[in-house]
Amino acid sequence: MDVVRVDQWLWAVRLYKTRTAATDACRAGHVRVNGTGAKAASPVRAGDRVSVRLHGRQRELQVVRVAAKRMGAPEASSCLVDHSPPVSPAGALAAERAPGTGRPTKRERRQLDRFRR
């Protein structure tokens, strides 16, 4: 198998729990293949670059091996190379504020201001 659908590959390498979630991400414009927006049925081949917006983070992946069936985590990690930039500790702290927790305190506002500069 040389080619597989992008939603099927994202599900097979365990980036999304369900294939429906992968399809919805493609429809929402969170998935790009080789720099162009991807529909769920867009083909993916070995060597392609896939950009995915997942859990508030941009992931840059290179397809090493195509897979149509879901597999275990050790096998799935061999199907891709992750070129994503590392998460900065300051960004992780600012992003941890849960929505719906009310207005930020004065201290939290100062931390957000420092992070945005």
N, C-alpha and C. Protein backbone atom coordinates (compact mmCIF):
# COMPACT_ATOMS: atom_id res chain seq x y z
N MET A 1 0.85 -1.17 0.00
CA MET A 1 0.00 0.00 0.00
C MET A 1 0.90 1.24 0.00
N ASP A 2 0.77 2.05 -1.03
CA ASP A 2 1.60 3.24 -1.18
C ASP A 2 0.89 4.51 -0.72
N VAL A 3 -0.44 4.52 -0.82
CA VAL A 3 -1.22 5.72 -0.53
C VAL A 3 -2.35 5.37 0.42
N VAL A 4 -2.65 6.31 1.33
CA VAL A 4 -3.76 6.13 2.25
C VAL A 4 -4.39 7.50 2.49
N ARG A 5 -5.65 7.52 2.88
CA ARG A 5 -6.33 8.78 3.19
C ARG A 5 -5.70 9.43 4.41
N VAL A 6 -5.67 10.75 4.46
CA VAL A 6 -5.02 11.45 5.57
C VAL A 6 -5.77 11.21 6.87
N ASP A 7 -7.10 11.18 6.85
CA ASP A 7 -7.84 10.94 8.10
C ASP A 7 -7.58 9.53 8.63
N GLN A 8 -7.45 8.59 7.72
CA GLN A 8 -7.18 7.21 8.11
C GLN A 8 -5.77 7.09 8.70
N TRP A 9 -4.80 7.79 8.12
CA TRP A 9 -3.43 7.74 8.62
C TRP A 9 -3.33 8.40 10.00
N LEU A 10 -3.99 9.55 10.19
CA LEU A 10 -3.96 10.23 11.48
C LEU A 10 -4.55 9.35 12.58
N TRP A 11 -5.59 8.61 12.25
CA TRP A 11 -6.21 7.69 13.21
C TRP A 11 -5.29 6.49 13.46
N ALA A 12 -4.67 5.97 12.40
CA ALA A 12 -3.83 4.77 12.53
C ALA A 12 -2.58 5.03 13.37
N VAL A 13 -2.02 6.25 13.30
CA VAL A 13 -0.81 6.55 14.08
C VAL A 13 -1.16 7.16 15.44
N ARG A 14 -2.42 7.05 15.82
CA ARG A 14 -2.90 7.36 17.16
C ARG A 14 -2.86 8.84 17.53
N LEU A 15 -2.98 9.74 16.54
CA LEU A 15 -3.09 11.16 16.87
C LEU A 15 -4.52 11.50 17.27
N TYR A 16 -5.48 10.80 16.72
CA TYR A 16 -6.89 10.98 17.06
C TYR A 16 -7.46 9.66 17.54
N LYS A 17 -8.38 9.73 18.51
CA LYS A 17 -8.97 8.50 19.06
C LYS A 17 -9.88 7.80 18.08
N THR A 18 -10.60 8.59 17.28
CA THR A 18 -11.52 7.99 16.32
C THR A 18 -11.24 8.57 14.94
N ARG A 19 -11.64 7.83 13.94
CA ARG A 19 -11.47 8.32 12.58
C ARG A 19 -12.41 9.49 12.32
N THR A 20 -13.55 9.49 12.98
CA THR A 20 -14.48 10.60 12.86
C THR A 20 -13.86 11.89 13.38
N ALA A 21 -13.12 11.82 14.47
CA ALA A 21 -12.45 13.00 15.00
C ALA A 21 -11.39 13.50 14.02
N ALA A 22 -10.68 12.60 13.37
CA ALA A 22 -9.69 12.99 12.36
C ALA A 22 -10.37 13.63 11.16
N THR A 23 -11.50 13.09 10.74
CA THR A 23 -12.25 13.66 9.63
C THR A 23 -12.76 15.05 9.98
N ASP A 24 -13.27 15.23 11.20
CA ASP A 24 -13.75 16.54 11.64
C ASP A 24 -12.62 17.56 11.67
N ALA A 25 -11.42 17.14 12.07
CA ALA A 25 -10.27 18.05 12.08
C ALA A 25 -9.92 18.49 10.67
N CYS A 26 -10.03 17.58 9.72
CA CYS A 26 -9.77 17.94 8.32
C CYS A 26 -10.81 18.92 7.82
N ARG A 27 -12.06 18.68 8.14
CA ARG A 27 -13.13 19.59 7.72
C ARG A 27 -12.98 20.97 8.33
N ALA A 28 -12.47 21.03 9.56
CA ALA A 28 -12.31 22.31 10.25
C ALA A 28 -11.07 23.07 9.78
N GLY A 29 -10.26 22.46 8.95
CA GLY A 29 -9.07 23.13 8.43
C GLY A 29 -7.86 23.02 9.33
N HIS A 30 -7.84 22.05 10.24
CA HIS A 30 -6.72 21.87 11.16
C HIS A 30 -5.62 20.99 10.59
N VAL A 31 -5.83 20.44 9.41
CA VAL A 31 -4.86 19.50 8.82
C VAL A 31 -4.40 20.05 7.47
N ARG A 32 -3.08 20.01 7.26
CA ARG A 32 -2.49 20.42 5.99
C ARG A 32 -1.51 19.34 5.55
N VAL A 33 -1.51 19.03 4.26
CA VAL A 33 -0.58 18.06 3.70
C VAL A 33 0.29 18.79 2.69
N ASN A 34 1.59 18.78 2.94
CA ASN A 34 2.56 19.47 2.09
C ASN A 34 2.22 20.94 1.89
N GLY A 35 1.72 21.58 2.93
CA GLY A 35 1.45 23.01 2.90
C GLY A 35 0.10 23.43 2.35
N THR A 36 -0.70 22.50 1.87
CA THR A 36 -2.03 22.85 1.36
C THR A 36 -3.09 22.23 2.25
N GLY A 37 -4.22 22.89 2.35
CA GLY A 37 -5.32 22.38 3.16
C GLY A 37 -5.75 21.01 2.68
N ALA A 38 -6.07 20.14 3.61
CA ALA A 38 -6.37 18.76 3.26
C ALA A 38 -7.80 18.41 3.59
N LYS A 39 -8.45 17.76 2.64
CA LYS A 39 -9.74 17.15 2.92
C LYS A 39 -9.47 15.79 3.53
N ALA A 40 -10.48 15.16 4.08
CA ALA A 40 -10.30 13.86 4.72
C ALA A 40 -9.79 12.81 3.75
N ALA A 41 -10.16 12.91 2.49
CA ALA A 41 -9.77 11.91 1.49
C ALA A 41 -8.46 12.25 0.78
N SER A 42 -7.77 13.28 1.22
CA SER A 42 -6.50 13.64 0.58
C SER A 42 -5.50 12.51 0.75
N PRO A 43 -4.75 12.19 -0.29
CA PRO A 43 -3.81 11.07 -0.19
C PRO A 43 -2.54 11.46 0.56
N VAL A 44 -1.98 10.50 1.29
CA VAL A 44 -0.72 10.67 2.01
C VAL A 44 0.21 9.55 1.58
N ARG A 45 1.45 9.94 1.25
CA ARG A 45 2.47 8.97 0.84
C ARG A 45 3.68 9.11 1.77
N ALA A 46 4.55 8.16 1.74
CA ALA A 46 5.78 8.25 2.51
C ALA A 46 6.58 9.45 2.02
N GLY A 47 7.08 10.25 2.96
CA GLY A 47 7.84 11.45 2.64
C GLY A 47 7.04 12.72 2.70
N ASP A 48 5.71 12.64 2.76
CA ASP A 48 4.86 13.82 2.85
C ASP A 48 5.00 14.49 4.20
N ARG A 49 4.74 15.80 4.24
CA ARG A 49 4.73 16.56 5.49
C ARG A 49 3.28 16.85 5.85
N VAL A 50 2.89 16.54 7.08
CA VAL A 50 1.52 16.75 7.55
C VAL A 50 1.59 17.69 8.75
N SER A 51 0.82 18.79 8.68
CA SER A 51 0.71 19.74 9.78
C SER A 51 -0.66 19.56 10.42
N VAL A 52 -0.68 19.40 11.74
CA VAL A 52 -1.93 19.15 12.45
C VAL A 52 -2.02 20.10 13.64
N ARG A 53 -3.15 20.77 13.78
CA ARG A 53 -3.42 21.58 14.96
C ARG A 53 -4.17 20.67 15.93
N LEU A 54 -3.50 20.31 17.05
CA LEU A 54 -4.05 19.30 17.95
C LEU A 54 -3.83 19.73 19.39
N HIS A 55 -4.90 19.83 20.16
CA HIS A 55 -4.85 20.20 21.57
C HIS A 55 -4.15 21.54 21.78
N GLY A 56 -4.45 22.51 20.92
CA GLY A 56 -3.89 23.84 21.07
C GLY A 56 -2.42 23.94 20.69
N ARG A 57 -1.91 22.97 19.98
CA ARG A 57 -0.49 22.95 19.61
C ARG A 57 -0.36 22.54 18.15
N GLN A 58 0.55 23.19 17.45
CA GLN A 58 0.80 22.85 16.05
C GLN A 58 1.82 21.73 15.98
N ARG A 59 1.47 20.63 15.34
CA ARG A 59 2.38 19.48 15.19
C ARG A 59 2.81 19.40 13.73
N GLU A 60 4.10 19.27 13.50
CA GLU A 60 4.67 19.12 12.16
C GLU A 60 5.21 17.69 12.06
N LEU A 61 4.61 16.89 11.20
CA LEU A 61 4.96 15.47 11.10
C LEU A 61 5.41 15.12 9.70
N GLN A 62 6.33 14.19 9.60
CA GLN A 62 6.74 13.66 8.31
C GLN A 62 6.34 12.19 8.28
N VAL A 63 5.70 11.80 7.20
CA VAL A 63 5.24 10.42 7.04
C VAL A 63 6.42 9.56 6.64
N VAL A 64 6.72 8.57 7.45
CA VAL A 64 7.79 7.62 7.15
C VAL A 64 7.20 6.38 6.49
N ARG A 65 6.07 5.93 7.01
CA ARG A 65 5.41 4.73 6.52
C ARG A 65 3.90 4.96 6.57
N VAL A 66 3.21 4.58 5.54
CA VAL A 66 1.75 4.71 5.54
C VAL A 66 1.15 3.52 6.27
N ALA A 67 0.03 3.77 6.94
CA ALA A 67 -0.66 2.72 7.68
C ALA A 67 -2.15 2.96 7.56
N ALA A 68 -2.88 1.92 7.27
CA ALA A 68 -4.32 2.03 7.13
C ALA A 68 -5.05 1.46 8.35
N LYS A 69 -4.38 0.63 9.12
CA LYS A 69 -4.99 0.03 10.31
C LYS A 69 -4.35 0.59 11.56
N ARG A 70 -5.16 0.74 12.60
CA ARG A 70 -4.66 1.26 13.87
C ARG A 70 -3.69 0.24 14.49
N MET A 71 -2.64 0.75 15.10
CA MET A 71 -1.62 -0.13 15.66
C MET A 71 -1.22 0.36 17.04
N GLY A 72 -0.40 -0.41 17.71
CA GLY A 72 0.08 -0.04 19.04
C GLY A 72 0.99 1.18 18.98
N ALA A 73 1.18 1.81 20.12
CA ALA A 73 1.95 3.04 20.20
C ALA A 73 3.40 2.87 19.73
N PRO A 74 4.11 1.80 20.11
CA PRO A 74 5.49 1.66 19.62
C PRO A 74 5.57 1.56 18.10
N GLU A 75 4.64 0.83 17.49
CA GLU A 75 4.62 0.72 16.03
C GLU A 75 4.22 2.04 15.40
N ALA A 76 3.27 2.75 16.00
CA ALA A 76 2.79 4.01 15.45
C ALA A 76 3.89 5.06 15.44
N SER A 77 4.73 5.06 16.45
CA SER A 77 5.80 6.05 16.50
C SER A 77 6.84 5.82 15.40
N SER A 78 6.92 4.61 14.87
CA SER A 78 7.86 4.34 13.79
C SER A 78 7.30 4.78 12.43
N CYS A 79 6.04 5.18 12.38
CA CYS A 79 5.42 5.60 11.12
C CYS A 79 5.59 7.08 10.84
N LEU A 80 6.13 7.83 11.79
CA LEU A 80 6.24 9.27 11.61
C LEU A 80 7.48 9.81 12.28
N VAL A 81 7.91 10.98 11.82
CA VAL A 81 8.98 11.73 12.45
C VAL A 81 8.39 13.07 12.85
N ASP A 82 8.51 13.42 14.12
CA ASP A 82 7.91 14.64 14.64
C ASP A 82 8.92 15.78 14.55
N HIS A 83 8.60 16.78 13.73
CA HIS A 83 9.45 17.96 13.57
C HIS A 83 8.85 19.17 14.29
N SER A 84 7.97 18.94 15.24
CA SER A 84 7.30 20.02 15.95
C SER A 84 8.28 20.77 16.83
N PRO A 85 8.10 22.09 16.94
CA PRO A 85 8.94 22.83 17.87
C PRO A 85 8.61 22.43 19.30
N PRO A 86 9.60 22.44 20.19
CA PRO A 86 9.32 22.06 21.57
C PRO A 86 8.41 23.06 22.26
N VAL A 87 7.65 22.59 23.21
CA VAL A 87 6.75 23.45 23.96
C VAL A 87 7.56 24.22 24.98
N SER A 88 7.41 25.54 24.99
CA SER A 88 8.15 26.34 25.96
C SER A 88 7.48 26.24 27.32
N PRO A 89 8.25 26.20 28.40
CA PRO A 89 7.66 26.09 29.74
C PRO A 89 6.77 27.29 30.07
N ALA A 90 7.14 28.48 29.61
CA ALA A 90 6.32 29.66 29.90
C ALA A 90 4.97 29.55 29.20
N GLY A 91 4.97 29.03 27.96
CA GLY A 91 3.72 28.86 27.23
C GLY A 91 2.84 27.80 27.85
N ALA A 92 3.45 26.79 28.41
CA ALA A 92 2.68 25.73 29.04
C ALA A 92 1.99 26.24 30.30
N LEU A 93 2.67 27.08 31.07
CA LEU A 93 2.07 27.61 32.30
C LEU A 93 0.92 28.55 31.99
N ALA A 94 1.08 29.39 30.97
CA ALA A 94 0.01 30.33 30.64
C ALA A 94 -1.19 29.61 30.05
N ALA A 95 -0.94 28.51 29.37
CA ALA A 95 -2.03 27.78 28.73
C ALA A 95 -2.78 26.88 29.71
N GLU A 96 -2.28 26.71 30.92
CA GLU A 96 -2.91 25.80 31.86
C GLU A 96 -4.14 26.38 32.53
N ARG A 97 -4.39 27.66 32.38
CA ARG A 97 -5.55 28.28 32.99
C ARG A 97 -6.81 27.70 32.35
N ALA A 98 -7.60 27.04 33.13
CA ALA A 98 -8.80 26.37 32.62
C ALA A 98 -9.88 27.40 32.32
N PRO A 99 -10.60 27.23 31.22
CA PRO A 99 -11.69 28.14 30.93
C PRO A 99 -12.82 27.97 31.94
N GLY A 100 -13.48 29.05 32.24
CA GLY A 100 -14.60 29.01 33.17
C GLY A 100 -14.19 29.11 34.62
N THR A 101 -12.94 29.46 34.91
CA THR A 101 -12.50 29.57 36.30
C THR A 101 -12.65 30.99 36.82
N GLY A 102 -13.30 31.83 36.07
CA GLY A 102 -13.52 33.20 36.53
C GLY A 102 -12.44 34.15 36.03
N ARG A 103 -12.50 35.36 36.53
CA ARG A 103 -11.53 36.36 36.10
C ARG A 103 -10.16 36.06 36.70
N PRO A 104 -9.10 36.37 35.94
CA PRO A 104 -7.77 36.14 36.49
C PRO A 104 -7.46 37.13 37.61
N THR A 105 -6.66 36.71 38.55
CA THR A 105 -6.25 37.59 39.63
C THR A 105 -5.21 38.57 39.09
N LYS A 106 -4.85 39.53 39.92
CA LYS A 106 -3.87 40.52 39.50
C LYS A 106 -2.53 39.85 39.19
N ARG A 107 -2.16 38.89 39.99
CA ARG A 107 -0.91 38.16 39.78
C ARG A 107 -0.95 37.39 38.45
N GLU A 108 -2.07 36.73 38.16
CA GLU A 108 -2.20 35.98 36.92
C GLU A 108 -2.18 36.92 35.71
N ARG A 109 -2.79 38.10 35.84
CA ARG A 109 -2.77 39.07 34.74
C ARG A 109 -1.34 39.52 34.45
N ARG A 110 -0.55 39.75 35.49
CA ARG A 110 0.84 40.14 35.29
C ARG A 110 1.63 39.03 34.59
N GLN A 111 1.38 37.80 34.97
CA GLN A 111 2.07 36.68 34.32
C GLN A 111 1.68 36.59 32.84
N LEU A 112 0.41 36.79 32.56
CA LEU A 112 -0.05 36.78 31.15
C LEU A 112 0.59 37.91 30.37
N ASP A 113 0.69 39.10 30.97
CA ASP A 113 1.30 40.23 30.30
C ASP A 113 2.77 39.96 29.99
N ARG A 114 3.48 39.34 30.94
CA ARG A 114 4.89 39.00 30.73
C ARG A 114 5.02 37.97 29.62
N PHE A 115 4.11 37.04 29.58
CA PHE A 115 4.15 36.00 28.55
C PHE A 115 3.91 36.57 27.16
N ARG A 116 3.00 37.54 27.04
CA ARG A 116 2.66 38.12 25.74
C ARG A 116 3.73 39.02 25.18
N ARG A 117 4.64 39.54 26.02
CA ARG A 117 5.70 40.43 25.52
C ARG A 117 6.73 39.74 24.76
